[in-house]
C-alpha cells in the first residue's frame, strides 16, 4: 500500500468534509504576534487563520462541525480564550474539545484544528 503525503494546511475530501490542521497564532505573513500579546490576541489570530482557510475552501466558521483546542495553561488561558471563542460561536456551537498540553510548536501558547463541511444552501 502506498501512502500519499499531502503538503497543505487543509485536506478536502470529496464527501464535503474539510480538515484544517492545527493553526497557531502567526500572522498571514507567517510572523509571530508581539511578545506582549494576550491570550485574547492569540485566540483572535488563530480563529482568523482558521476562517481564512475555510473561506478559501468553500466553507466558513459557521460550517465547523468539530474543533480541537490545545492550550499550554488551562487555568490562566481558558477563560480568556473562551470569551473570544464565544464571540465567533454564539449561535452555531460546534462540538469542541479543549485540552491542556505541555508545549506547542514554536513555543506558541495555543493551537486550534477543525473539521468543517462545505457551504451549501443550509446553515448549520
PDB file of N, CA and C in Angstrom:
ATOM      1  N   UNK A   1       0.842  -1.172   0.000  1.00  0.00           N
ATOM      2  CA  UNK A   1       0.000   0.000   0.000  1.00  0.00           C
ATOM      3  C   UNK A   1       0.888   1.236   0.000  1.00  0.00           C
ATOM      4  N   UNK A   2       0.591   2.163  -0.858  1.00  0.00           N
ATOM      5  CA  UNK A   2       1.357   3.393  -0.955  1.00  0.00           C
ATOM      6  C   UNK A   2       0.582   4.522  -0.275  1.00  0.00           C
ATOM      7  N   UNK A   3       1.259   5.253   0.598  1.00  0.00           N
ATOM      8  CA  UNK A   3       0.638   6.376   1.289  1.00  0.00           C
ATOM      9  C   UNK A   3       1.064   7.660   0.594  1.00  0.00           C
ATOM     10  N   UNK A   4       0.088   8.483   0.245  1.00  0.00           N
ATOM     11  CA  UNK A   4       0.364   9.740  -0.435  1.00  0.00           C
ATOM     12  C   UNK A   4       0.361  10.871   0.588  1.00  0.00           C
ATOM     13  N   UNK A   5       1.430  11.648   0.604  1.00  0.00           N
ATOM     14  CA  UNK A   5       1.553  12.780   1.517  1.00  0.00           C
ATOM     15  C   UNK A   5       0.995  14.027   0.849  1.00  0.00           C
ATOM     16  N   UNK A   6       0.124  14.731   1.537  1.00  0.00           N
ATOM     17  CA  UNK A   6      -0.446  15.967   1.022  1.00  0.00           C
ATOM     18  C   UNK A   6       0.172  17.120   1.798  1.00  0.00           C
ATOM     19  N   UNK A   7       0.864  18.003   1.108  1.00  0.00           N
ATOM     20  CA  UNK A   7       1.519  19.148   1.740  1.00  0.00           C
ATOM     21  C   UNK A   7       0.599  20.363   1.706  1.00  0.00           C
ATOM     22  N   UNK A   8      -0.226  20.500   2.715  1.00  0.00           N
ATOM     23  CA  UNK A   8      -1.156  21.627   2.768  1.00  0.00           C
ATOM     24  C   UNK A   8      -1.681  21.778   4.179  1.00  0.00           C
ATOM     25  N   UNK A   9      -2.314  22.891   4.442  1.00  0.00           N
ATOM     26  CA  UNK A   9      -2.953  23.107   5.740  1.00  0.00           C
ATOM     27  C   UNK A   9      -4.384  22.622   5.755  1.00  0.00           C
ATOM     28  N   UNK A  10      -4.878  22.206   4.606  1.00  0.00           N
ATOM     29  CA  UNK A  10      -6.272  21.784   4.523  1.00  0.00           C
ATOM     30  C   UNK A  10      -6.352  20.542   3.653  1.00  0.00           C
ATOM     31  N   UNK A  11      -7.189  19.609   4.046  1.00  0.00           N
ATOM     32  CA  UNK A  11      -7.400  18.398   3.274  1.00  0.00           C
ATOM     33  C   UNK A  11      -8.895  18.270   3.029  1.00  0.00           C
ATOM     34  N   UNK A  12      -9.294  18.441   1.787  1.00  0.00           N
ATOM     35  CA  UNK A  12     -10.707  18.430   1.432  1.00  0.00           C
ATOM     36  C   UNK A  12     -11.042  17.096   0.774  1.00  0.00           C
ATOM     37  N   UNK A  13     -11.955  16.372   1.359  1.00  0.00           N
ATOM     38  CA  UNK A  13     -12.379  15.100   0.808  1.00  0.00           C
ATOM     39  C   UNK A  13     -13.580  15.309  -0.094  1.00  0.00           C
ATOM     40  N   UNK A  14     -13.798  14.394  -1.021  1.00  0.00           N
ATOM     41  CA  UNK A  14     -14.914  14.517  -1.948  1.00  0.00           C
ATOM     42  C   UNK A  14     -16.276  14.424  -1.268  1.00  0.00           C
ATOM     43  N   UNK A  15     -16.310  13.987  -0.034  1.00  0.00           N
ATOM     44  CA  UNK A  15     -17.586  13.865   0.668  1.00  0.00           C
ATOM     45  C   UNK A  15     -17.996  15.170   1.346  1.00  0.00           C
ATOM     46  N   UNK A  16     -17.239  16.232   1.119  1.00  0.00           N
ATOM     47  CA  UNK A  16     -17.623  17.533   1.630  1.00  0.00           C
ATOM     48  C   UNK A  16     -17.041  17.928   2.970  1.00  0.00           C
ATOM     49  N   UNK A  17     -16.203  17.098   3.568  1.00  0.00           N
ATOM     50  CA  UNK A  17     -15.556  17.466   4.822  1.00  0.00           C
ATOM     51  C   UNK A  17     -14.235  18.161   4.538  1.00  0.00           C
ATOM     52  N   UNK A  18     -13.922  19.158   5.342  1.00  0.00           N
ATOM     53  CA  UNK A  18     -12.674  19.895   5.217  1.00  0.00           C
ATOM     54  C   UNK A  18     -11.943  19.771   6.550  1.00  0.00           C
ATOM     55  N   UNK A  19     -10.741  19.232   6.508  1.00  0.00           N
ATOM     56  CA  UNK A  19      -9.931  19.034   7.706  1.00  0.00           C
ATOM     57  C   UNK A  19      -8.827  20.086   7.712  1.00  0.00           C
ATOM     58  N   UNK A  20      -8.880  20.988   8.684  1.00  0.00           N
ATOM     59  CA  UNK A  20      -7.869  22.038   8.797  1.00  0.00           C
ATOM     60  C   UNK A  20      -6.898  21.642   9.904  1.00  0.00           C
ATOM     61  N   UNK A  21      -5.635  21.513   9.539  1.00  0.00           N
ATOM     62  CA  UNK A  21      -4.628  21.136  10.528  1.00  0.00           C
ATOM     63  C   UNK A  21      -4.447  22.251  11.552  1.00  0.00           C
ATOM     64  N   UNK A  22      -3.773  21.932  12.634  1.00  0.00           N
ATOM     65  CA  UNK A  22      -3.625  22.869  13.740  1.00  0.00           C
ATOM     66  C   UNK A  22      -3.082  24.222  13.314  1.00  0.00           C
ATOM     67  N   UNK A  23      -3.811  25.270  13.664  1.00  0.00           N
ATOM     68  CA  UNK A  23      -3.401  26.636  13.347  1.00  0.00           C
ATOM     69  C   UNK A  23      -2.880  27.308  14.610  1.00  0.00           C
ATOM     70  N   UNK A  24      -1.750  27.975  14.458  1.00  0.00           N
ATOM     71  CA  UNK A  24      -1.130  28.661  15.585  1.00  0.00           C
ATOM     72  C   UNK A  24      -1.246  30.176  15.379  1.00  0.00           C
ATOM     73  N   UNK A  25      -1.016  30.960  16.422  1.00  0.00           N
ATOM     74  CA  UNK A  25      -1.192  32.407  16.315  1.00  0.00           C
ATOM     75  C   UNK A  25      -0.036  33.111  15.601  1.00  0.00           C
ATOM     76  N   UNK A  26       0.091  32.823  14.313  1.00  0.00           N
ATOM     77  CA  UNK A  26       1.029  33.532  13.444  1.00  0.00           C
ATOM     78  C   UNK A  26       0.212  34.347  12.457  1.00  0.00           C
ATOM     79  N   UNK A  27       0.752  35.463  12.018  1.00  0.00           N
ATOM     80  CA  UNK A  27       0.058  36.329  11.073  1.00  0.00           C
ATOM     81  C   UNK A  27       0.046  35.702   9.684  1.00  0.00           C
ATOM     82  N   UNK A  28      -0.689  36.319   8.772  1.00  0.00           N
ATOM     83  CA  UNK A  28      -0.727  35.827   7.392  1.00  0.00           C
ATOM     84  C   UNK A  28       0.635  35.962   6.714  1.00  0.00           C
ATOM     85  N   UNK A  29       1.528  36.767   7.288  1.00  0.00           N
ATOM     86  CA  UNK A  29       2.896  36.884   6.775  1.00  0.00           C
ATOM     87  C   UNK A  29       3.826  35.873   7.448  1.00  0.00           C
ATOM     88  N   UNK A  30       3.241  34.916   8.180  1.00  0.00           N
ATOM     89  CA  UNK A  30       3.981  33.862   8.883  1.00  0.00           C
ATOM     90  C   UNK A  30       4.924  34.424   9.947  1.00  0.00           C
ATOM     91  N   UNK A  31       4.439  35.422  10.666  1.00  0.00           N
ATOM     92  CA  UNK A  31       5.205  36.044  11.749  1.00  0.00           C
ATOM     93  C   UNK A  31       4.467  35.840  13.067  1.00  0.00           C
ATOM     94  N   UNK A  32       5.226  35.647  14.159  1.00  0.00           N
ATOM     95  CA  UNK A  32       4.569  35.519  15.464  1.00  0.00           C
ATOM     96  C   UNK A  32       3.977  36.855  15.904  1.00  0.00           C
ATOM     97  N   UNK A  33       3.001  36.784  16.783  1.00  0.00           N
ATOM     98  CA  UNK A  33       2.446  38.006  17.367  1.00  0.00           C
ATOM     99  C   UNK A  33       3.479  38.609  18.321  1.00  0.00           C
ATOM    100  N   UNK A  34       3.366  39.898  18.625  1.00  0.00           N
ATOM    101  CA  UNK A  34       4.311  40.529  19.557  1.00  0.00           C
ATOM    102  C   UNK A  34       4.333  39.810  20.906  1.00  0.00           C
ATOM    103  N   UNK A  35       5.464  39.888  21.584  1.00  0.00           N
ATOM    104  CA  UNK A  35       5.640  39.157  22.847  1.00  0.00           C
ATOM    105  C   UNK A  35       4.699  39.628  23.951  1.00  0.00           C
ATOM    106  N   UNK A  36       4.160  40.843  23.835  1.00  0.00           N
ATOM    107  CA  UNK A  36       3.235  41.336  24.861  1.00  0.00           C
ATOM    108  C   UNK A  36       1.775  41.009  24.538  1.00  0.00           C
ATOM    109  N   UNK A  37       1.538  40.125  23.569  1.00  0.00           N
ATOM    110  CA  UNK A  37       0.171  39.741  23.194  1.00  0.00           C
ATOM    111  C   UNK A  37      -0.497  38.968  24.320  1.00  0.00           C
ATOM    112  N   UNK A  38      -1.807  39.109  24.396  1.00  0.00           N
ATOM    113  CA  UNK A  38      -2.595  38.415  25.415  1.00  0.00           C
ATOM    114  C   UNK A  38      -3.177  37.123  24.837  1.00  0.00           C
ATOM    115  N   UNK A  39      -3.734  36.314  25.694  1.00  0.00           N
ATOM    116  CA  UNK A  39      -4.420  35.110  25.226  1.00  0.00           C
ATOM    117  C   UNK A  39      -5.529  35.483  24.259  1.00  0.00           C
ATOM    118  N   UNK A  40      -6.221  36.582  24.520  1.00  0.00           N
ATOM    119  CA  UNK A  40      -7.278  37.036  23.610  1.00  0.00           C
ATOM    120  C   UNK A  40      -6.702  37.377  22.237  1.00  0.00           C
ATOM    121  N   UNK A  41      -5.545  38.028  22.200  1.00  0.00           N
ATOM    122  CA  UNK A  41      -4.892  38.342  20.921  1.00  0.00           C
ATOM    123  C   UNK A  41      -4.558  37.061  20.161  1.00  0.00           C
ATOM    124  N   UNK A  42      -3.995  36.092  20.880  1.00  0.00           N
ATOM    125  CA  UNK A  42      -3.638  34.813  20.248  1.00  0.00           C
ATOM    126  C   UNK A  42      -4.885  34.097  19.731  1.00  0.00           C
ATOM    127  N   UNK A  43      -5.934  34.104  20.532  1.00  0.00           N
ATOM    128  CA  UNK A  43      -7.176  33.435  20.131  1.00  0.00           C
ATOM    129  C   UNK A  43      -7.772  34.093  18.891  1.00  0.00           C
ATOM    130  N   UNK A  44      -7.803  35.415  18.859  1.00  0.00           N
ATOM    131  CA  UNK A  44      -8.313  36.138  17.686  1.00  0.00           C
ATOM    132  C   UNK A  44      -7.532  35.746  16.435  1.00  0.00           C
ATOM    133  N   UNK A  45      -6.202  35.713  16.542  1.00  0.00           N
ATOM    134  CA  UNK A  45      -5.375  35.395  15.376  1.00  0.00           C
ATOM    135  C   UNK A  45      -5.624  33.972  14.895  1.00  0.00           C
ATOM    136  N   UNK A  46      -5.694  33.030  15.819  1.00  0.00           N
ATOM    137  CA  UNK A  46      -5.925  31.632  15.445  1.00  0.00           C
ATOM    138  C   UNK A  46      -7.277  31.479  14.751  1.00  0.00           C
ATOM    139  N   UNK A  47      -8.308  32.087  15.294  1.00  0.00           N
ATOM    140  CA  UNK A  47      -9.639  31.967  14.691  1.00  0.00           C
ATOM    141  C   UNK A  47      -9.668  32.652  13.325  1.00  0.00           C
ATOM    142  N   UNK A  48      -8.982  33.779  13.187  1.00  0.00           N
ATOM    143  CA  UNK A  48      -8.901  34.432  11.876  1.00  0.00           C
ATOM    144  C   UNK A  48      -8.159  33.547  10.869  1.00  0.00           C
ATOM    145  N   UNK A  49      -7.109  32.867  11.311  1.00  0.00           N
ATOM    146  CA  UNK A  49      -6.382  31.953  10.423  1.00  0.00           C
ATOM    147  C   UNK A  49      -7.288  30.814   9.958  1.00  0.00           C
ATOM    148  N   UNK A  50      -8.017  30.225  10.890  1.00  0.00           N
ATOM    149  CA  UNK A  50      -8.946  29.143  10.546  1.00  0.00           C
ATOM    150  C   UNK A  50     -10.003  29.658   9.579  1.00  0.00           C
ATOM    151  N   UNK A  51     -10.544  30.825   9.855  1.00  0.00           N
ATOM    152  CA  UNK A  51     -11.573  31.406   8.995  1.00  0.00           C
ATOM    153  C   UNK A  51     -11.064  31.618   7.574  1.00  0.00           C
ATOM    154  N   UNK A  52      -9.860  32.133   7.425  1.00  0.00           N
ATOM    155  CA  UNK A  52      -9.294  32.382   6.092  1.00  0.00           C
ATOM    156  C   UNK A  52      -9.129  31.083   5.311  1.00  0.00           C
ATOM    157  N   UNK A  53      -8.670  30.039   5.976  1.00  0.00           N
ATOM    158  CA  UNK A  53      -8.503  28.743   5.308  1.00  0.00           C
ATOM    159  C   UNK A  53      -9.854  28.186   4.894  1.00  0.00           C
ATOM    160  N   UNK A  54     -10.838  28.276   5.779  1.00  0.00           N
ATOM    161  CA  UNK A  54     -12.169  27.762   5.452  1.00  0.00           C
ATOM    162  C   UNK A  54     -12.802  28.541   4.305  1.00  0.00           C
ATOM    163  N   UNK A  55     -12.694  29.860   4.319  1.00  0.00           N
ATOM    164  CA  UNK A  55     -13.263  30.673   3.234  1.00  0.00           C
ATOM    165  C   UNK A  55     -12.624  30.306   1.899  1.00  0.00           C
ATOM    166  N   UNK A  56     -11.322  30.035   1.895  1.00  0.00           N
ATOM    167  CA  UNK A  56     -10.629  29.640   0.665  1.00  0.00           C
ATOM    168  C   UNK A  56     -11.014  28.229   0.223  1.00  0.00           C
ATOM    169  N   UNK A  57     -11.682  27.499   1.098  1.00  0.00           N
ATOM    170  CA  UNK A  57     -12.064  26.109   0.824  1.00  0.00           C
ATOM    171  C   UNK A  57     -13.572  25.942   0.684  1.00  0.00           C
ATOM    172  N   UNK A  58     -14.289  27.021   0.385  1.00  0.00           N
ATOM    173  CA  UNK A  58     -15.745  26.991   0.232  1.00  0.00           C
ATOM    174  C   UNK A  58     -16.444  26.552   1.518  1.00  0.00           C
ATOM    175  N   UNK A  59     -15.997  27.132   2.625  1.00  0.00           N
ATOM    176  CA  UNK A  59     -16.619  26.848   3.912  1.00  0.00           C
ATOM    177  C   UNK A  59     -16.533  28.114   4.765  1.00  0.00           C
ATOM    178  N   UNK A  60     -16.855  27.992   6.039  1.00  0.00           N
ATOM    179  CA  UNK A  60     -16.800  29.144   6.941  1.00  0.00           C
ATOM    180  C   UNK A  60     -16.814  28.653   8.386  1.00  0.00           C
ATOM    181  N   UNK A  61     -16.636  29.591   9.301  1.00  0.00           N
ATOM    182  CA  UNK A  61     -16.715  29.243  10.721  1.00  0.00           C
ATOM    183  C   UNK A  61     -18.073  28.648  11.063  1.00  0.00           C
ATOM    184  N   UNK A  62     -19.124  29.089  10.382  1.00  0.00           N
ATOM    185  CA  UNK A  62     -20.470  28.569  10.641  1.00  0.00           C
ATOM    186  C   UNK A  62     -20.664  27.144  10.145  1.00  0.00           C
ATOM    187  N   UNK A  63     -19.683  26.596   9.469  1.00  0.00           N
ATOM    188  CA  UNK A  63     -19.779  25.234   8.946  1.00  0.00           C
ATOM    189  C   UNK A  63     -18.833  24.269   9.663  1.00  0.00           C
ATOM    190  N   UNK A  64     -18.234  24.729  10.761  1.00  0.00           N
ATOM    191  CA  UNK A  64     -17.380  23.845  11.559  1.00  0.00           C
ATOM    192  C   UNK A  64     -18.266  22.856  12.306  1.00  0.00           C
ATOM    193  N   UNK A  65     -17.893  21.581  12.257  1.00  0.00           N
ATOM    194  CA  UNK A  65     -18.636  20.561  12.996  1.00  0.00           C
ATOM    195  C   UNK A  65     -17.868  20.084  14.229  1.00  0.00           C
ATOM    196  N   UNK A  66     -16.532  20.290  14.242  1.00  0.00           N
ATOM    197  CA  UNK A  66     -15.721  19.860  15.386  1.00  0.00           C
ATOM    198  C   UNK A  66     -14.490  20.740  15.484  1.00  0.00           C
ATOM    199  N   UNK A  67     -14.189  21.200  16.682  1.00  0.00           N
ATOM    200  CA  UNK A  67     -12.988  21.996  16.937  1.00  0.00           C
ATOM    201  C   UNK A  67     -12.198  21.361  18.071  1.00  0.00           C
ATOM    202  N   UNK A  68     -10.895  21.290  17.896  1.00  0.00           N
ATOM    203  CA  UNK A  68      -9.990  20.835  18.946  1.00  0.00           C
ATOM    204  C   UNK A  68      -9.078  22.004  19.298  1.00  0.00           C
ATOM    205  N   UNK A  69      -9.065  22.359  20.574  1.00  0.00           N
ATOM    206  CA  UNK A  69      -8.270  23.477  21.059  1.00  0.00           C
ATOM    207  C   UNK A  69      -7.200  22.921  21.988  1.00  0.00           C
ATOM    208  N   UNK A  70      -5.982  23.411  21.834  1.00  0.00           N
ATOM    209  CA  UNK A  70      -4.870  22.997  22.686  1.00  0.00           C
ATOM    210  C   UNK A  70      -4.307  24.239  23.373  1.00  0.00           C
ATOM    211  N   UNK A  71      -4.251  24.214  24.699  1.00  0.00           N
ATOM    212  CA  UNK A  71      -3.750  25.331  25.497  1.00  0.00           C
ATOM    213  C   UNK A  71      -2.578  24.862  26.339  1.00  0.00           C
ATOM    214  N   UNK A  72      -1.580  25.724  26.526  1.00  0.00           N
ATOM    215  CA  UNK A  72      -0.428  25.342  27.343  1.00  0.00           C
ATOM    216  C   UNK A  72      -0.638  25.633  28.830  1.00  0.00           C
ATOM    217  N   UNK A  73      -1.684  26.375  29.175  1.00  0.00           N
ATOM    218  CA  UNK A  73      -2.000  26.645  30.578  1.00  0.00           C
ATOM    219  C   UNK A  73      -3.514  26.797  30.718  1.00  0.00           C
ATOM    220  N   UNK A  74      -4.174  25.707  30.988  1.00  0.00           N
ATOM    221  CA  UNK A  74      -5.637  25.694  31.034  1.00  0.00           C
ATOM    222  C   UNK A  74      -6.182  26.704  32.048  1.00  0.00           C
ATOM    223  N   UNK A  75      -5.577  26.788  33.209  1.00  0.00           N
ATOM    224  CA  UNK A  75      -6.089  27.651  34.271  1.00  0.00           C
ATOM    225  C   UNK A  75      -6.096  29.119  33.872  1.00  0.00           C
ATOM    226  N   UNK A  76      -5.002  29.600  33.333  1.00  0.00           N
ATOM    227  CA  UNK A  76      -4.938  31.032  33.009  1.00  0.00           C
ATOM    228  C   UNK A  76      -5.474  31.357  31.617  1.00  0.00           C
ATOM    229  N   UNK A  77      -5.402  30.430  30.673  1.00  0.00           N
ATOM    230  CA  UNK A  77      -5.785  30.738  29.294  1.00  0.00           C
ATOM    231  C   UNK A  77      -7.247  30.451  28.962  1.00  0.00           C
ATOM    232  N   UNK A  78      -7.819  29.423  29.562  1.00  0.00           N
ATOM    233  CA  UNK A  78      -9.157  29.004  29.143  1.00  0.00           C
ATOM    234  C   UNK A  78     -10.214  30.103  29.273  1.00  0.00           C
ATOM    235  N   UNK A  79     -10.315  30.810  30.400  1.00  0.00           N
ATOM    236  CA  UNK A  79     -11.372  31.829  30.498  1.00  0.00           C
ATOM    237  C   UNK A  79     -11.269  32.900  29.404  1.00  0.00           C
ATOM    238  N   UNK A  80     -10.062  33.380  29.142  1.00  0.00           N
ATOM    239  CA  UNK A  80      -9.879  34.425  28.130  1.00  0.00           C
ATOM    240  C   UNK A  80     -10.100  33.869  26.722  1.00  0.00           C
ATOM    241  N   UNK A  81      -9.593  32.663  26.475  1.00  0.00           N
ATOM    242  CA  UNK A  81      -9.823  32.043  25.167  1.00  0.00           C
ATOM    243  C   UNK A  81     -11.317  31.850  24.939  1.00  0.00           C
ATOM    244  N   UNK A  82     -12.010  31.381  25.946  1.00  0.00           N
ATOM    245  CA  UNK A  82     -13.434  31.083  25.816  1.00  0.00           C
ATOM    246  C   UNK A  82     -14.258  32.335  25.504  1.00  0.00           C
ATOM    247  N   UNK A  83     -13.869  33.485  26.042  1.00  0.00           N
ATOM    248  CA  UNK A  83     -14.573  34.738  25.731  1.00  0.00           C
ATOM    249  C   UNK A  83     -14.461  35.065  24.246  1.00  0.00           C
ATOM    250  N   UNK A  84     -13.267  34.926  23.694  1.00  0.00           N
ATOM    251  CA  UNK A  84     -13.071  35.199  22.266  1.00  0.00           C
ATOM    252  C   UNK A  84     -13.826  34.168  21.434  1.00  0.00           C
ATOM    253  N   UNK A  85     -13.709  32.908  21.795  1.00  0.00           N
ATOM    254  CA  UNK A  85     -14.385  31.826  21.070  1.00  0.00           C
ATOM    255  C   UNK A  85     -15.894  32.073  21.025  1.00  0.00           C
ATOM    256  N   UNK A  86     -16.451  32.515  22.147  1.00  0.00           N
ATOM    257  CA  UNK A  86     -17.901  32.753  22.235  1.00  0.00           C
ATOM    258  C   UNK A  86     -18.365  33.867  21.301  1.00  0.00           C
ATOM    259  N   UNK A  87     -17.495  34.831  21.002  1.00  0.00           N
ATOM    260  CA  UNK A  87     -17.856  35.899  20.054  1.00  0.00           C
ATOM    261  C   UNK A  87     -18.095  35.332  18.661  1.00  0.00           C
ATOM    262  N   UNK A  88     -17.324  34.333  18.288  1.00  0.00           N
ATOM    263  CA  UNK A  88     -17.420  33.752  16.945  1.00  0.00           C
ATOM    264  C   UNK A  88     -18.440  32.620  16.867  1.00  0.00           C
ATOM    265  N   UNK A  89     -18.709  31.996  17.983  1.00  0.00           N
ATOM    266  CA  UNK A  89     -19.601  30.833  18.002  1.00  0.00           C
ATOM    267  C   UNK A  89     -20.724  31.047  19.010  1.00  0.00           C
ATOM    268  N   UNK A  90     -21.488  32.116  18.821  1.00  0.00           N
ATOM    269  CA  UNK A  90     -22.578  32.416  19.750  1.00  0.00           C
ATOM    270  C   UNK A  90     -23.842  31.642  19.401  1.00  0.00           C
ATOM    271  N   UNK A  91     -24.153  31.543  18.103  1.00  0.00           N
ATOM    272  CA  UNK A  91     -25.341  30.791  17.676  1.00  0.00           C
ATOM    273  C   UNK A  91     -24.978  29.366  17.285  1.00  0.00           C
ATOM    274  N   UNK A  92     -24.028  29.252  16.391  1.00  0.00           N
ATOM    275  CA  UNK A  92     -23.565  27.934  15.946  1.00  0.00           C
ATOM    276  C   UNK A  92     -22.491  27.454  16.911  1.00  0.00           C
ATOM    277  N   UNK A  93     -22.742  26.343  17.561  1.00  0.00           N
ATOM    278  CA  UNK A  93     -21.805  25.811  18.546  1.00  0.00           C
ATOM    279  C   UNK A  93     -21.351  24.413  18.123  1.00  0.00           C
ATOM    280  N   UNK A  94     -20.204  24.337  17.424  1.00  0.00           N
ATOM    281  CA  UNK A  94     -19.720  23.017  17.018  1.00  0.00           C
ATOM    282  C   UNK A  94     -19.247  22.210  18.227  1.00  0.00           C
ATOM    283  N   UNK A  95     -19.180  20.902  18.057  1.00  0.00           N
ATOM    284  CA  UNK A  95     -18.586  20.063  19.097  1.00  0.00           C
ATOM    285  C   UNK A  95     -17.164  20.563  19.328  1.00  0.00           C
ATOM    286  N   UNK A  96     -16.720  20.547  20.584  1.00  0.00           N
ATOM    287  CA  UNK A  96     -15.403  21.105  20.892  1.00  0.00           C
ATOM    288  C   UNK A  96     -14.731  20.331  22.005  1.00  0.00           C
ATOM    289  N   UNK A  97     -13.433  20.151  21.847  1.00  0.00           N
ATOM    290  CA  UNK A  97     -12.584  19.633  22.915  1.00  0.00           C
ATOM    291  C   UNK A  97     -11.534  20.684  23.205  1.00  0.00           C
ATOM    292  N   UNK A  98     -11.213  20.864  24.468  1.00  0.00           N
ATOM    293  CA  UNK A  98     -10.161  21.797  24.860  1.00  0.00           C
ATOM    294  C   UNK A  98      -9.217  21.034  25.780  1.00  0.00           C
ATOM    295  N   UNK A  99      -7.967  20.933  25.355  1.00  0.00           N
ATOM    296  CA  UNK A  99      -7.011  20.063  26.028  1.00  0.00           C
ATOM    297  C   UNK A  99      -5.789  20.858  26.474  1.00  0.00           C
ATOM    298  N   UNK A 100      -5.330  20.615  27.689  1.00  0.00           N
ATOM    299  CA  UNK A 100      -4.086  21.218  28.165  1.00  0.00           C
ATOM    300  C   UNK A 100      -2.916  20.363  27.694  1.00  0.00           C
ATOM    301  N   UNK A 101      -1.900  21.017  27.164  1.00  0.00           N
ATOM    302  CA  UNK A 101      -0.699  20.325  26.695  1.00  0.00           C
ATOM    303  C   UNK A 101       0.526  20.990  27.312  1.00  0.00           C
ATOM    304  N   UNK A 102       1.612  20.246  27.376  1.00  0.00           N
ATOM    305  CA  UNK A 102       2.832  20.785  27.974  1.00  0.00           C
ATOM    306  C   UNK A 102       3.424  21.904  27.132  1.00  0.00           C
ATOM    307  N   UNK A 103       3.499  21.696  25.815  1.00  0.00           N
ATOM    308  CA  UNK A 103       4.021  22.726  24.927  1.00  0.00           C
ATOM    309  C   UNK A 103       3.514  22.503  23.516  1.00  0.00           C
ATOM    310  N   UNK A 104       3.657  23.546  22.692  1.00  0.00           N
ATOM    311  CA  UNK A 104       3.206  23.507  21.303  1.00  0.00           C
ATOM    312  C   UNK A 104       4.348  23.941  20.390  1.00  0.00           C
ATOM    313  N   UNK A 105       4.235  23.659  19.092  1.00  0.00           N
ATOM    314  CA  UNK A 105       5.298  24.034  18.158  1.00  0.00           C
ATOM    315  C   UNK A 105       5.621  25.530  18.217  1.00  0.00           C
ATOM    316  N   UNK A 106       6.893  25.835  18.061  1.00  0.00           N
ATOM    317  CA  UNK A 106       7.395  27.215  18.028  1.00  0.00           C
ATOM    318  C   UNK A 106       7.118  27.983  19.314  1.00  0.00           C
ATOM    319  N   UNK A 107       6.791  27.265  20.386  1.00  0.00           N
ATOM    320  CA  UNK A 107       6.577  27.903  21.678  1.00  0.00           C
ATOM    321  C   UNK A 107       5.303  28.715  21.793  1.00  0.00           C
ATOM    322  N   UNK A 108       4.351  28.499  20.878  1.00  0.00           N
ATOM    323  CA  UNK A 108       3.096  29.257  20.935  1.00  0.00           C
ATOM    324  C   UNK A 108       2.234  28.752  22.092  1.00  0.00           C
ATOM    325  N   UNK A 109       1.325  29.591  22.601  1.00  0.00           N
ATOM    326  CA  UNK A 109       0.525  29.198  23.756  1.00  0.00           C
ATOM    327  C   UNK A 109      -0.756  28.440  23.434  1.00  0.00           C
ATOM    328  N   UNK A 110      -1.205  28.493  22.167  1.00  0.00           N
ATOM    329  CA  UNK A 110      -2.438  27.779  21.837  1.00  0.00           C
ATOM    330  C   UNK A 110      -2.469  27.398  20.369  1.00  0.00           C
ATOM    331  N   UNK A 111      -3.329  26.428  20.074  1.00  0.00           N
ATOM    332  CA  UNK A 111      -3.485  25.913  18.709  1.00  0.00           C
ATOM    333  C   UNK A 111      -4.934  25.472  18.538  1.00  0.00           C
ATOM    334  N   UNK A 112      -5.431  25.559  17.298  1.00  0.00           N
ATOM    335  CA  UNK A 112      -6.812  25.160  17.011  1.00  0.00           C
ATOM    336  C   UNK A 112      -6.848  24.398  15.697  1.00  0.00           C
ATOM    337  N   UNK A 113      -7.481  23.225  15.710  1.00  0.00           N
ATOM    338  CA  UNK A 113      -7.714  22.466  14.481  1.00  0.00           C
ATOM    339  C   UNK A 113      -9.209  22.217  14.373  1.00  0.00           C
ATOM    340  N   UNK A 114      -9.710  22.149  13.138  1.00  0.00           N
ATOM    341  CA  UNK A 114     -11.152  21.993  12.959  1.00  0.00           C
ATOM    342  C   UNK A 114     -11.474  21.033  11.827  1.00  0.00           C
ATOM    343  N   UNK A 115     -12.702  20.526  11.889  1.00  0.00           N
ATOM    344  CA  UNK A 115     -13.321  19.796  10.784  1.00  0.00           C
ATOM    345  C   UNK A 115     -14.566  20.592  10.431  1.00  0.00           C
ATOM    346  N   UNK A 116     -14.728  20.876   9.142  1.00  0.00           N
ATOM    347  CA  UNK A 116     -15.886  21.646   8.681  1.00  0.00           C
ATOM    348  C   UNK A 116     -16.497  20.946   7.478  1.00  0.00           C
ATOM    349  N   UNK A 117     -17.653  21.418   7.076  1.00  0.00           N
ATOM    350  CA  UNK A 117     -18.294  20.926   5.855  1.00  0.00           C
ATOM    351  C   UNK A 117     -18.335  22.073   4.854  1.00  0.00           C
ATOM    352  N   UNK A 118     -18.464  21.711   3.585  1.00  0.00           N
ATOM    353  CA  UNK A 118     -18.564  22.718   2.539  1.00  0.00           C
ATOM    354  C   UNK A 118     -19.856  23.509   2.681  1.00  0.00           C
ATOM    355  N   UNK A 119     -19.817  24.740   2.185  1.00  0.00           N
ATOM    356  CA  UNK A 119     -21.033  25.558   2.160  1.00  0.00           C
ATOM    357  C   UNK A 119     -22.026  24.951   1.181  1.00  0.00           C
ATOM    358  N   UNK A 120     -23.279  25.060   1.525  1.00  0.00           N
ATOM    359  CA  UNK A 120     -24.360  24.737   0.598  1.00  0.00           C
ATOM    360  C   UNK A 120     -25.496  25.695   0.933  1.00  0.00           C
ATOM    361  N   UNK A 121     -26.698  25.349   0.631  1.00  0.00           N
ATOM    362  CA  UNK A 121     -27.814  26.257   0.890  1.00  0.00           C
ATOM    363  C   UNK A 121     -28.289  26.240   2.337  1.00  0.00           C
ATOM    364  N   UNK A 122     -27.752  25.340   3.152  1.00  0.00           N
ATOM    365  CA  UNK A 122     -28.189  25.268   4.540  1.00  0.00           C
ATOM    366  C   UNK A 122     -27.098  25.772   5.461  1.00  0.00           C
ATOM    367  N   UNK A 123     -27.485  26.339   6.568  1.00  0.00           N
ATOM    368  CA  UNK A 123     -26.556  26.791   7.592  1.00  0.00           C
ATOM    369  C   UNK A 123     -26.662  25.827   8.757  1.00  0.00           C
ATOM    370  N   UNK A 124     -25.547  25.431   9.293  1.00  0.00           N
ATOM    371  CA  UNK A 124     -25.567  24.509  10.434  1.00  0.00           C
ATOM    372  C   UNK A 124     -26.109  25.202  11.661  1.00  0.00           C
TER     373      UNK A 124
END
